[in-house]
Amino acid sequence: MAEDLLGIAASFARALDSGDGDAAHRLLTPACAGLMTVADLLSAYQDLADDMGGVSGIGQPMVVLEDWPGMAPGDRAMVYVPLEGDAYSEAINLTVAEPDGELRISAVEWGRP
């Protein structure tokens, strides 16, 4: 299961980094997808990348929590995806859920916590 959690997080970050907002958007739960458009995802990622002086690499995602207060039904883990930059590093924090038997991203937080 941990490999699957890390895989969806890495796929999300790689899709955004390559400019494939459609692929990233398809990885969201329906509820999360209803809160942000493809353009919203790409814009938020680009803003973060610009603040960093550009993304020079995507680090290895890591599961940081598998249980937390306020965890929603279907949530499986919070995953931290480090982004390496020329000026400094940042991250994307993702909540990964399994609403219908398939892993999807249910929340996205831009930047280190």
PDB file of N, CA and C in Angstrom:
ATOM      1  N   MET A   1       0.825  -1.191   0.000  1.00  0.00           N
ATOM      2  CA  MET A   1       0.000   0.000   0.000  1.00  0.00           C
ATOM      3  C   MET A   1       0.865   1.249   0.000  1.00  0.00           C
ATOM      4  N   ALA A   2       1.954   1.274   0.776  1.00  0.00           N
ATOM      5  CA  ALA A   2       2.805   2.471   0.847  1.00  0.00           C
ATOM      6  C   ALA A   2       3.371   2.816  -0.516  1.00  0.00           C
ATOM      7  N   GLU A   3       3.771   1.811  -1.284  1.00  0.00           N
ATOM      8  CA  GLU A   3       4.298   2.082  -2.627  1.00  0.00           C
ATOM      9  C   GLU A   3       3.245   2.742  -3.501  1.00  0.00           C
ATOM     10  N   ASP A   4       1.999   2.312  -3.380  1.00  0.00           N
ATOM     11  CA  ASP A   4       0.919   2.906  -4.158  1.00  0.00           C
ATOM     12  C   ASP A   4       0.683   4.360  -3.750  1.00  0.00           C
ATOM     13  N   LEU A   5       0.741   4.635  -2.452  1.00  0.00           N
ATOM     14  CA  LEU A   5       0.568   5.999  -1.951  1.00  0.00           C
ATOM     15  C   LEU A   5       1.660   6.907  -2.493  1.00  0.00           C
ATOM     16  N   LEU A   6       2.887   6.422  -2.469  1.00  0.00           N
ATOM     17  CA  LEU A   6       4.015   7.198  -2.969  1.00  0.00           C
ATOM     18  C   LEU A   6       3.939   7.352  -4.484  1.00  0.00           C
ATOM     19  N   GLY A   7       3.467   6.321  -5.151  1.00  0.00           N
ATOM     20  CA  GLY A   7       3.364   6.363  -6.609  1.00  0.00           C
ATOM     21  C   GLY A   7       2.384   7.406  -7.109  1.00  0.00           C
ATOM     22  N   ILE A   8       1.224   7.504  -6.479  1.00  0.00           N
ATOM     23  CA  ILE A   8       0.242   8.497  -6.924  1.00  0.00           C
ATOM     24  C   ILE A   8       0.765   9.909  -6.657  1.00  0.00           C
ATOM     25  N   ALA A   9       1.458  10.092  -5.535  1.00  0.00           N
ATOM     26  CA  ALA A   9       2.018  11.404  -5.219  1.00  0.00           C
ATOM     27  C   ALA A   9       3.094  11.796  -6.231  1.00  0.00           C
ATOM     28  N   ALA A  10       3.965  10.855  -6.562  1.00  0.00           N
ATOM     29  CA  ALA A  10       5.014  11.127  -7.547  1.00  0.00           C
ATOM     30  C   ALA A  10       4.409  11.406  -8.918  1.00  0.00           C
ATOM     31  N   SER A  11       3.404  10.650  -9.294  1.00  0.00           N
ATOM     32  CA  SER A  11       2.745  10.862 -10.592  1.00  0.00           C
ATOM     33  C   SER A  11       2.113  12.240 -10.676  1.00  0.00           C
ATOM     34  N   PHE A  12       1.495  12.676  -9.584  1.00  0.00           N
ATOM     35  CA  PHE A  12       0.871  13.993  -9.528  1.00  0.00           C
ATOM     36  C   PHE A  12       1.923  15.086  -9.730  1.00  0.00           C
ATOM     37  N   ALA A  13       3.022  15.004  -8.974  1.00  0.00           N
ATOM     38  CA  ALA A  13       4.075  16.021  -9.072  1.00  0.00           C
ATOM     39  C   ALA A  13       4.732  16.017 -10.450  1.00  0.00           C
ATOM     40  N   ARG A  14       5.012  14.840 -10.990  1.00  0.00           N
ATOM     41  CA  ARG A  14       5.635  14.766 -12.328  1.00  0.00           C
ATOM     42  C   ARG A  14       4.712  15.330 -13.397  1.00  0.00           C
ATOM     43  N   ALA A  15       3.411  15.050 -13.280  1.00  0.00           N
ATOM     44  CA  ALA A  15       2.456  15.574 -14.265  1.00  0.00           C
ATOM     45  C   ALA A  15       2.449  17.096 -14.231  1.00  0.00           C
ATOM     46  N   LEU A  16       2.400  17.673 -13.043  1.00  0.00           N
ATOM     47  CA  LEU A  16       2.415  19.135 -12.940  1.00  0.00           C
ATOM     48  C   LEU A  16       3.726  19.707 -13.453  1.00  0.00           C
ATOM     49  N   ASP A  17       4.833  19.076 -13.113  1.00  0.00           N
ATOM     50  CA  ASP A  17       6.134  19.578 -13.530  1.00  0.00           C
ATOM     51  C   ASP A  17       6.291  19.555 -15.047  1.00  0.00           C
ATOM     52  N   SER A  18       5.655  18.590 -15.689  1.00  0.00           N
ATOM     53  CA  SER A  18       5.738  18.496 -17.156  1.00  0.00           C
ATOM     54  C   SER A  18       4.672  19.339 -17.845  1.00  0.00           C
ATOM     55  N   GLY A  19       3.813  19.987 -17.063  1.00  0.00           N
ATOM     56  CA  GLY A  19       2.763  20.831 -17.634  1.00  0.00           C
ATOM     57  C   GLY A  19       1.502  20.078 -18.019  1.00  0.00           C
ATOM     58  N   ASP A  20       1.394  18.809 -17.606  1.00  0.00           N
ATOM     59  CA  ASP A  20       0.217  18.002 -17.939  1.00  0.00           C
ATOM     60  C   ASP A  20      -0.815  18.100 -16.812  1.00  0.00           C
ATOM     61  N   GLY A  21      -1.486  19.239 -16.768  1.00  0.00           N
ATOM     62  CA  GLY A  21      -2.491  19.474 -15.749  1.00  0.00           C
ATOM     63  C   GLY A  21      -3.657  18.511 -15.830  1.00  0.00           C
ATOM     64  N   ASP A  22      -3.989  18.060 -17.035  1.00  0.00           N
ATOM     65  CA  ASP A  22      -5.089  17.099 -17.187  1.00  0.00           C
ATOM     66  C   ASP A  22      -4.772  15.797 -16.464  1.00  0.00           C
ATOM     67  N   ALA A  23      -3.541  15.306 -16.620  1.00  0.00           N
ATOM     68  CA  ALA A  23      -3.155  14.060 -15.947  1.00  0.00           C
ATOM     69  C   ALA A  23      -3.181  14.242 -14.434  1.00  0.00           C
ATOM     70  N   ALA A  24      -2.688  15.386 -13.951  1.00  0.00           N
ATOM     71  CA  ALA A  24      -2.706  15.649 -12.512  1.00  0.00           C
ATOM     72  C   ALA A  24      -4.140  15.728 -12.008  1.00  0.00           C
ATOM     73  N   HIS A  25      -4.994  16.398 -12.746  1.00  0.00           N
ATOM     74  CA  HIS A  25      -6.396  16.578 -12.338  1.00  0.00           C
ATOM     75  C   HIS A  25      -7.126  15.239 -12.265  1.00  0.00           C
ATOM     76  N   ARG A  26      -6.793  14.321 -13.149  1.00  0.00           N
ATOM     77  CA  ARG A  26      -7.440  12.995 -13.134  1.00  0.00           C
ATOM     78  C   ARG A  26      -7.096  12.203 -11.880  1.00  0.00           C
ATOM     79  N   LEU A  27      -6.040  12.586 -11.172  1.00  0.00           N
ATOM     80  CA  LEU A  27      -5.636  11.875  -9.955  1.00  0.00           C
ATOM     81  C   LEU A  27      -6.373  12.362  -8.714  1.00  0.00           C
ATOM     82  N   LEU A  28      -7.181  13.406  -8.861  1.00  0.00           N
ATOM     83  CA  LEU A  28      -7.937  13.964  -7.734  1.00  0.00           C
ATOM     84  C   LEU A  28      -9.241  13.209  -7.508  1.00  0.00           C
ATOM     85  N   THR A  29      -9.708  13.216  -6.262  1.00  0.00           N
ATOM     86  CA  THR A  29     -11.047  12.687  -5.997  1.00  0.00           C
ATOM     87  C   THR A  29     -12.057  13.607  -6.682  1.00  0.00           C
ATOM     88  N   PRO A  30     -13.265  13.125  -6.947  1.00  0.00           N
ATOM     89  CA  PRO A  30     -14.271  14.010  -7.553  1.00  0.00           C
ATOM     90  C   PRO A  30     -14.511  15.276  -6.737  1.00  0.00           C
ATOM     91  N   ALA A  31     -14.544  15.155  -5.408  1.00  0.00           N
ATOM     92  CA  ALA A  31     -14.776  16.338  -4.564  1.00  0.00           C
ATOM     93  C   ALA A  31     -13.642  17.345  -4.707  1.00  0.00           C
ATOM     94  N   CYS A  32     -12.410  16.870  -4.690  1.00  0.00           N
ATOM     95  CA  CYS A  32     -11.254  17.758  -4.818  1.00  0.00           C
ATOM     96  C   CYS A  32     -11.199  18.359  -6.224  1.00  0.00           C
ATOM     97  N   ALA A  33     -11.495  17.552  -7.223  1.00  0.00           N
ATOM     98  CA  ALA A  33     -11.495  18.043  -8.607  1.00  0.00           C
ATOM     99  C   ALA A  33     -12.542  19.126  -8.803  1.00  0.00           C
ATOM    100  N   GLY A  34     -13.632  19.058  -8.036  1.00  0.00           N
ATOM    101  CA  GLY A  34     -14.667  20.068  -8.123  1.00  0.00           C
ATOM    102  C   GLY A  34     -14.254  21.399  -7.504  1.00  0.00           C
ATOM    103  N   LEU A  35     -13.191  21.365  -6.691  1.00  0.00           N
ATOM    104  CA  LEU A  35     -12.716  22.584  -6.031  1.00  0.00           C
ATOM    105  C   LEU A  35     -11.616  23.292  -6.807  1.00  0.00           C
ATOM    106  N   MET A  36     -10.974  22.589  -7.732  1.00  0.00           N
ATOM    107  CA  MET A  36      -9.886  23.214  -8.495  1.00  0.00           C
ATOM    108  C   MET A  36      -9.869  22.693  -9.924  1.00  0.00           C
ATOM    109  N   THR A  37      -9.697  23.628 -10.828  1.00  0.00           N
ATOM    110  CA  THR A  37      -9.641  23.282 -12.245  1.00  0.00           C
ATOM    111  C   THR A  37      -8.217  22.888 -12.624  1.00  0.00           C
ATOM    112  N   VAL A  38      -8.062  22.409 -13.836  1.00  0.00           N
ATOM    113  CA  VAL A  38      -6.736  22.113 -14.372  1.00  0.00           C
ATOM    114  C   VAL A  38      -5.889  23.385 -14.335  1.00  0.00           C
ATOM    115  N   ALA A  39      -6.481  24.495 -14.757  1.00  0.00           N
ATOM    116  CA  ALA A  39      -5.757  25.777 -14.757  1.00  0.00           C
ATOM    117  C   ALA A  39      -5.346  26.184 -13.343  1.00  0.00           C
ATOM    118  N   ASP A  40      -6.201  25.930 -12.359  1.00  0.00           N
ATOM    119  CA  ASP A  40      -5.863  26.236 -10.964  1.00  0.00           C
ATOM    120  C   ASP A  40      -4.631  25.438 -10.524  1.00  0.00           C
ATOM    121  N   LEU A  41      -4.611  24.149 -10.845  1.00  0.00           N
ATOM    122  CA  LEU A  41      -3.477  23.300 -10.477  1.00  0.00           C
ATOM    123  C   LEU A  41      -2.184  23.809 -11.099  1.00  0.00           C
ATOM    124  N   LEU A  42      -2.230  24.051 -12.397  1.00  0.00           N
ATOM    125  CA  LEU A  42      -1.028  24.497 -13.097  1.00  0.00           C
ATOM    126  C   LEU A  42      -0.562  25.856 -12.586  1.00  0.00           C
ATOM    127  N   SER A  43      -1.487  26.748 -12.316  1.00  0.00           N
ATOM    128  CA  SER A  43      -1.144  28.074 -11.817  1.00  0.00           C
ATOM    129  C   SER A  43      -0.508  27.999 -10.427  1.00  0.00           C
ATOM    130  N   ALA A  44      -1.092  27.202  -9.545  1.00  0.00           N
ATOM    131  CA  ALA A  44      -0.555  27.071  -8.184  1.00  0.00           C
ATOM    132  C   ALA A  44       0.840  26.455  -8.217  1.00  0.00           C
ATOM    133  N   TYR A  45       1.031  25.453  -9.058  1.00  0.00           N
ATOM    134  CA  TYR A  45       2.347  24.821  -9.169  1.00  0.00           C
ATOM    135  C   TYR A  45       3.356  25.818  -9.726  1.00  0.00           C
ATOM    136  N   GLN A  46       2.964  26.554 -10.756  1.00  0.00           N
ATOM    137  CA  GLN A  46       3.877  27.520 -11.368  1.00  0.00           C
ATOM    138  C   GLN A  46       4.243  28.632 -10.391  1.00  0.00           C
ATOM    139  N   ASP A  47       3.269  29.091  -9.605  1.00  0.00           N
ATOM    140  CA  ASP A  47       3.551  30.113  -8.591  1.00  0.00           C
ATOM    141  C   ASP A  47       4.583  29.607  -7.583  1.00  0.00           C
ATOM    142  N   LEU A  48       4.414  28.357  -7.134  1.00  0.00           N
ATOM    143  CA  LEU A  48       5.361  27.777  -6.190  1.00  0.00           C
ATOM    144  C   LEU A  48       6.733  27.641  -6.839  1.00  0.00           C
ATOM    145  N   ALA A  49       6.760  27.157  -8.089  1.00  0.00           N
ATOM    146  CA  ALA A  49       8.025  26.997  -8.813  1.00  0.00           C
ATOM    147  C   ALA A  49       8.716  28.342  -9.006  1.00  0.00           C
ATOM    148  N   ASP A  50       7.959  29.359  -9.360  1.00  0.00           N
ATOM    149  CA  ASP A  50       8.540  30.695  -9.553  1.00  0.00           C
ATOM    150  C   ASP A  50       9.148  31.213  -8.254  1.00  0.00           C
ATOM    151  N   ASP A  51       8.451  31.008  -7.136  1.00  0.00           N
ATOM    152  CA  ASP A  51       8.966  31.438  -5.834  1.00  0.00           C
ATOM    153  C   ASP A  51      10.289  30.750  -5.497  1.00  0.00           C
ATOM    154  N   MET A  52      10.460  29.532  -5.982  1.00  0.00           N
ATOM    155  CA  MET A  52      11.662  28.751  -5.703  1.00  0.00           C
ATOM    156  C   MET A  52      12.801  29.073  -6.660  1.00  0.00           C
ATOM    157  N   GLY A  53      12.544  29.884  -7.673  1.00  0.00           N
ATOM    158  CA  GLY A  53      13.549  30.107  -8.707  1.00  0.00           C
ATOM    159  C   GLY A  53      13.577  28.972  -9.709  1.00  0.00           C
ATOM    160  N   GLY A  54      12.500  28.215  -9.771  1.00  0.00           N
ATOM    161  CA  GLY A  54      12.391  27.076 -10.691  1.00  0.00           C
ATOM    162  C   GLY A  54      12.548  25.762  -9.949  1.00  0.00           C
ATOM    163  N   VAL A  55      11.898  24.735 -10.460  1.00  0.00           N
ATOM    164  CA  VAL A  55      12.011  23.385  -9.899  1.00  0.00           C
ATOM    165  C   VAL A  55      13.099  22.658 -10.680  1.00  0.00           C
ATOM    166  N   SER A  56      14.146  22.245  -9.981  1.00  0.00           N
ATOM    167  CA  SER A  56      15.235  21.524 -10.634  1.00  0.00           C
ATOM    168  C   SER A  56      15.116  20.014 -10.451  1.00  0.00           C
ATOM    169  N   GLY A  57      14.204  19.578  -9.587  1.00  0.00           N
ATOM    170  CA  GLY A  57      14.003  18.153  -9.390  1.00  0.00           C
ATOM    171  C   GLY A  57      12.880  17.880  -8.411  1.00  0.00           C
ATOM    172  N   ILE A  58      12.340  16.682  -8.500  1.00  0.00           N
ATOM    173  CA  ILE A  58      11.294  16.227  -7.582  1.00  0.00           C
ATOM    174  C   ILE A  58      11.910  15.131  -6.730  1.00  0.00           C
ATOM    175  N   GLY A  59      11.916  15.348  -5.431  1.00  0.00           N
ATOM    176  CA  GLY A  59      12.489  14.367  -4.516  1.00  0.00           C
ATOM    177  C   GLY A  59      11.563  13.184  -4.300  1.00  0.00           C
ATOM    178  N   GLN A  60      12.045  12.236  -3.541  1.00  0.00           N
ATOM    179  CA  GLN A  60      11.281  11.027  -3.234  1.00  0.00           C
ATOM    180  C   GLN A  60      10.125  11.361  -2.295  1.00  0.00           C
ATOM    181  N   PRO A  61       8.877  11.113  -2.706  1.00  0.00           N
ATOM    182  CA  PRO A  61       7.745  11.339  -1.796  1.00  0.00           C
ATOM    183  C   PRO A  61       7.873  10.453  -0.558  1.00  0.00           C
ATOM    184  N   MET A  62       7.309  10.942   0.552  1.00  0.00           N
ATOM    185  CA  MET A  62       7.333  10.144   1.778  1.00  0.00           C
ATOM    186  C   MET A  62       6.011  10.279   2.522  1.00  0.00           C
ATOM    187  N   VAL A  63       5.561   9.167   3.049  1.00  0.00           N
ATOM    188  CA  VAL A  63       4.358   9.162   3.870  1.00  0.00           C
ATOM    189  C   VAL A  63       4.737   9.791   5.204  1.00  0.00           C
ATOM    190  N   VAL A  64       4.000  10.844   5.584  1.00  0.00           N
ATOM    191  CA  VAL A  64       4.305  11.500   6.857  1.00  0.00           C
ATOM    192  C   VAL A  64       3.289  11.166   7.944  1.00  0.00           C
ATOM    193  N   LEU A  65       2.051  10.876   7.567  1.00  0.00           N
ATOM    194  CA  LEU A  65       1.031  10.497   8.546  1.00  0.00           C
ATOM    195  C   LEU A  65       0.091   9.460   7.941  1.00  0.00           C
ATOM    196  N   GLU A  66      -0.289   8.496   8.758  1.00  0.00           N
ATOM    197  CA  GLU A  66      -1.317   7.547   8.358  1.00  0.00           C
ATOM    198  C   GLU A  66      -2.515   7.603   9.303  1.00  0.00           C
ATOM    199  N   ASP A  67      -2.416   8.479  10.286  1.00  0.00           N
ATOM    200  CA  ASP A  67      -3.498   8.676  11.247  1.00  0.00           C
ATOM    201  C   ASP A  67      -3.327  10.078  11.828  1.00  0.00           C
ATOM    202  N   TRP A  68      -4.387  10.864  11.812  1.00  0.00           N
ATOM    203  CA  TRP A  68      -4.320  12.226  12.345  1.00  0.00           C
ATOM    204  C   TRP A  68      -5.705  12.679  12.770  1.00  0.00           C
ATOM    205  N   PRO A  69      -5.753  13.650  13.688  1.00  0.00           N
ATOM    206  CA  PRO A  69      -7.055  14.191  14.103  1.00  0.00           C
ATOM    207  C   PRO A  69      -7.751  14.830  12.896  1.00  0.00           C
ATOM    208  N   GLY A  70      -9.017  14.613  12.765  1.00  0.00           N
ATOM    209  CA  GLY A  70      -9.761  15.184  11.646  1.00  0.00           C
ATOM    210  C   GLY A  70      -9.638  14.397  10.358  1.00  0.00           C
ATOM    211  N   MET A  71      -9.046  13.245  10.420  1.00  0.00           N
ATOM    212  CA  MET A  71      -8.907  12.381   9.251  1.00  0.00           C
ATOM    213  C   MET A  71     -10.302  12.033   8.737  1.00  0.00           C
ATOM    214  N   ALA A  72     -10.534  12.252   7.457  1.00  0.00           N
ATOM    215  CA  ALA A  72     -11.847  11.979   6.864  1.00  0.00           C
ATOM    216  C   ALA A  72     -11.988  10.494   6.529  1.00  0.00           C
ATOM    217  N   PRO A  73     -13.226  10.007   6.492  1.00  0.00           N
ATOM    218  CA  PRO A  73     -13.428   8.620   6.072  1.00  0.00           C
ATOM    219  C   PRO A  73     -12.835   8.422   4.671  1.00  0.00           C
ATOM    220  N   GLY A  74     -12.112   7.356   4.508  1.00  0.00           N
ATOM    221  CA  GLY A  74     -11.495   7.061   3.222  1.00  0.00           C
ATOM    222  C   GLY A  74     -10.078   7.584   3.087  1.00  0.00           C
ATOM    223  N   ASP A  75      -9.658   8.523   3.964  1.00  0.00           N
ATOM    224  CA  ASP A  75      -8.281   9.007   3.911  1.00  0.00           C
ATOM    225  C   ASP A  75      -7.329   7.883   4.295  1.00  0.00           C
ATOM    226  N   ARG A  76      -6.219   7.802   3.580  1.00  0.00           N
ATOM    227  CA  ARG A  76      -5.233   6.756   3.852  1.00  0.00           C
ATOM    228  C   ARG A  76      -3.921   7.317   4.390  1.00  0.00           C
ATOM    229  N   ALA A  77      -3.474   8.480   3.873  1.00  0.00           N
ATOM    230  CA  ALA A  77      -2.184   9.015   4.315  1.00  0.00           C
ATOM    231  C   ALA A  77      -2.000  10.443   3.838  1.00  0.00           C
ATOM    232  N   MET A  78      -1.128  11.145   4.546  1.00  0.00           N
ATOM    233  CA  MET A  78      -0.620  12.426   4.065  1.00  0.00           C
ATOM    234  C   MET A  78       0.766  12.136   3.502  1.00  0.00           C
ATOM    235  N   VAL A  79       1.006  12.633   2.306  1.00  0.00           N
ATOM    236  CA  VAL A  79       2.271  12.370   1.620  1.00  0.00           C
ATOM    237  C   VAL A  79       2.949  13.696   1.307  1.00  0.00           C
ATOM    238  N   TYR A  80       4.214  13.780   1.618  1.00  0.00           N
ATOM    239  CA  TYR A  80       5.046  14.960   1.416  1.00  0.00           C
ATOM    240  C   TYR A  80       5.887  14.725   0.176  1.00  0.00           C
ATOM    241  N   VAL A  81       5.799  15.645  -0.795  1.00  0.00           N
ATOM    242  CA  VAL A  81       6.576  15.527  -2.026  1.00  0.00           C
ATOM    243  C   VAL A  81       7.542  16.712  -2.086  1.00  0.00           C
ATOM    244  N   PRO A  82       8.836  16.478  -1.832  1.00  0.00           N
ATOM    245  CA  PRO A  82       9.799  17.581  -1.869  1.00  0.00           C
ATOM    246  C   PRO A  82      10.084  18.023  -3.309  1.00  0.00           C
ATOM    247  N   LEU A  83      10.193  19.329  -3.464  1.00  0.00           N
ATOM    248  CA  LEU A  83      10.552  19.925  -4.750  1.00  0.00           C
ATOM    249  C   LEU A  83      11.882  20.633  -4.563  1.00  0.00           C
ATOM    250  N   GLU A  84      12.860  20.261  -5.366  1.00  0.00           N
ATOM    251  CA  GLU A  84      14.175  20.884  -5.276  1.00  0.00           C
ATOM    252  C   GLU A  84      14.189  22.103  -6.183  1.00  0.00           C
ATOM    253  N   GLY A  85      14.719  23.201  -5.661  1.00  0.00           N
ATOM    254  CA  GLY A  85      14.772  24.429  -6.434  1.00  0.00           C
ATOM    255  C   GLY A  85      16.163  25.018  -6.463  1.00  0.00           C
ATOM    256  N   ASP A  86      16.354  25.960  -7.376  1.00  0.00           N
ATOM    257  CA  ASP A  86      17.655  26.619  -7.484  1.00  0.00           C
ATOM    258  C   ASP A  86      17.885  27.571  -6.313  1.00  0.00           C
ATOM    259  N   ALA A  87      16.855  28.292  -5.889  1.00  0.00           N
ATOM    260  CA  ALA A  87      16.983  29.243  -4.785  1.00  0.00           C
ATOM    261  C   ALA A  87      16.798  28.536  -3.441  1.00  0.00           C
ATOM    262  N   TYR A  88      15.766  27.714  -3.318  1.00  0.00           N
ATOM    263  CA  TYR A  88      15.496  26.930  -2.111  1.00  0.00           C
ATOM    264  C   TYR A  88      14.490  25.841  -2.459  1.00  0.00           C
ATOM    265  N   SER A  89      14.229  24.970  -1.526  1.00  0.00           N
ATOM    266  CA  SER A  89      13.313  23.854  -1.761  1.00  0.00           C
ATOM    267  C   SER A  89      11.956  24.130  -1.135  1.00  0.00           C
ATOM    268  N   GLU A  90      10.952  23.522  -1.701  1.00  0.00           N
ATOM    269  CA  GLU A  90       9.575  23.606  -1.206  1.00  0.00           C
ATOM    270  C   GLU A  90       8.996  22.206  -1.250  1.00  0.00           C
ATOM    271  N   ALA A  91       7.675  22.111  -1.144  1.00  0.00           N
ATOM    272  CA  ALA A  91       7.029  20.800  -1.179  1.00  0.00           C
ATOM    273  C   ALA A  91       5.562  20.944  -1.539  1.00  0.00           C
ATOM    274  N   ILE A  92       4.996  19.837  -1.944  1.00  0.00           N
ATOM    275  CA  ILE A  92       3.552  19.705  -2.105  1.00  0.00           C
ATOM    276  C   ILE A  92       3.131  18.667  -1.074  1.00  0.00           C
ATOM    277  N   ASN A  93       2.137  18.988  -0.275  1.00  0.00           N
ATOM    278  CA  ASN A  93       1.601  18.055   0.712  1.00  0.00           C
ATOM    279  C   ASN A  93       0.253  17.563   0.212  1.00  0.00           C
ATOM    280  N   LEU A  94       0.124  16.266   0.120  1.00  0.00           N
ATOM    281  CA  LEU A  94      -1.086  15.663  -0.446  1.00  0.00           C
ATOM    282  C   LEU A  94      -1.764  14.759   0.571  1.00  0.00           C
ATOM    283  N   THR A  95      -3.070  14.819   0.593  1.00  0.00           N
ATOM    284  CA  THR A  95      -3.843  13.820   1.326  1.00  0.00           C
ATOM    285  C   THR A  95      -4.329  12.819   0.293  1.00  0.00           C
ATOM    286  N   VAL A  96      -3.990  11.567   0.513  1.00  0.00           N
ATOM    287  CA  VAL A  96      -4.389  10.506  -0.403  1.00  0.00           C
ATOM    288  C   VAL A  96      -5.514   9.710   0.247  1.00  0.00           C
ATOM    289  N   ALA A  97      -6.580   9.542  -0.508  1.00  0.00           N
ATOM    290  CA  ALA A  97      -7.759   8.829  -0.016  1.00  0.00           C
ATOM    291  C   ALA A  97      -8.057   7.649  -0.932  1.00  0.00           C
ATOM    292  N   GLU A  98      -8.943   6.817  -0.476  1.00  0.00           N
ATOM    293  CA  GLU A  98      -9.395   5.659  -1.255  1.00  0.00           C
ATOM    294  C   GLU A  98     -10.918   5.621  -1.183  1.00  0.00           C
ATOM    295  N   PRO A  99     -11.580   6.585  -1.858  1.00  0.00           N
ATOM    296  CA  PRO A  99     -13.032   6.701  -1.697  1.00  0.00           C
ATOM    297  C   PRO A  99     -13.835   5.551  -2.307  1.00  0.00           C
ATOM    298  N   ASP A 100     -13.380   5.028  -3.429  1.00  0.00           N
ATOM    299  CA  ASP A 100     -14.130   3.969  -4.116  1.00  0.00           C
ATOM    300  C   ASP A 100     -13.230   2.803  -4.486  1.00  0.00           C
ATOM    301  N   GLY A 101     -12.284   2.487  -3.601  1.00  0.00           N
ATOM    302  CA  GLY A 101     -11.389   1.375  -3.867  1.00  0.00           C
ATOM    303  C   GLY A 101     -10.215   1.748  -4.751  1.00  0.00           C
ATOM    304  N   GLU A 102     -10.089   3.005  -5.125  1.00  0.00           N
ATOM    305  CA  GLU A 102      -8.979   3.458  -5.953  1.00  0.00           C
ATOM    306  C   GLU A 102      -8.347   4.681  -5.295  1.00  0.00           C
ATOM    307  N   LEU A 103      -7.036   4.685  -5.195  1.00  0.00           N
ATOM    308  CA  LEU A 103      -6.356   5.805  -4.566  1.00  0.00           C
ATOM    309  C   LEU A 103      -6.494   7.068  -5.397  1.00  0.00           C
ATOM    310  N   ARG A 104      -6.822   8.157  -4.723  1.00  0.00           N
ATOM    311  CA  ARG A 104      -6.970   9.476  -5.348  1.00  0.00           C
ATOM    312  C   ARG A 104      -6.495  10.521  -4.341  1.00  0.00           C
ATOM    313  N   ILE A 105      -6.166  11.693  -4.838  1.00  0.00           N
ATOM    314  CA  ILE A 105      -5.738  12.801  -3.994  1.00  0.00           C
ATOM    315  C   ILE A 105      -6.970  13.596  -3.584  1.00  0.00           C
ATOM    316  N   SER A 106      -7.158  13.738  -2.275  1.00  0.00           N
ATOM    317  CA  SER A 106      -8.355  14.431  -1.779  1.00  0.00           C
ATOM    318  C   SER A 106      -8.067  15.848  -1.288  1.00  0.00           C
ATOM    319  N   ALA A 107      -6.793  16.204  -1.130  1.00  0.00           N
ATOM    320  CA  ALA A 107      -6.437  17.561  -0.724  1.00  0.00           C
ATOM    321  C   ALA A 107      -5.004  17.853  -1.156  1.00  0.00           C
ATOM    322  N   VAL A 108      -4.774  19.113  -1.524  1.00  0.00           N
ATOM    323  CA  VAL A 108      -3.457  19.568  -1.951  1.00  0.00           C
ATOM    324  C   VAL A 108      -3.104  20.826  -1.157  1.00  0.00           C
ATOM    325  N   GLU A 109      -1.927  20.811  -0.562  1.00  0.00           N
ATOM    326  CA  GLU A 109      -1.398  21.995   0.115  1.00  0.00           C
ATOM    327  C   GLU A 109      -0.076  22.339  -0.541  1.00  0.00           C
ATOM    328  N   TRP A 110       0.061  23.584  -0.957  1.00  0.00           N
ATOM    329  CA  TRP A 110       1.250  24.052  -1.663  1.00  0.00           C
ATOM    330  C   TRP A 110       2.238  24.644  -0.678  1.00  0.00           C
ATOM    331  N   GLY A 111       3.449  24.138  -0.662  1.00  0.00           N
ATOM    332  CA  GLY A 111       4.496  24.648   0.216  1.00  0.00           C
ATOM    333  C   GLY A 111       4.703  23.762   1.415  1.00  0.00           C
ATOM    334  N   ARG A 112       5.846  23.953   2.046  1.00  0.00           N
ATOM    335  CA  ARG A 112       6.175  23.178   3.246  1.00  0.00           C
ATOM    336  C   ARG A 112       5.218  23.538   4.378  1.00  0.00           C
ATOM    337  N   PRO A 113       4.919  22.570   5.237  1.00  0.00           N
ATOM    338  CA  PRO A 113       4.022  22.875   6.359  1.00  0.00           C
ATOM    339  C   PRO A 113       4.663  23.808   7.368  1.00  0.00           C
TER     340      PRO A 113
END
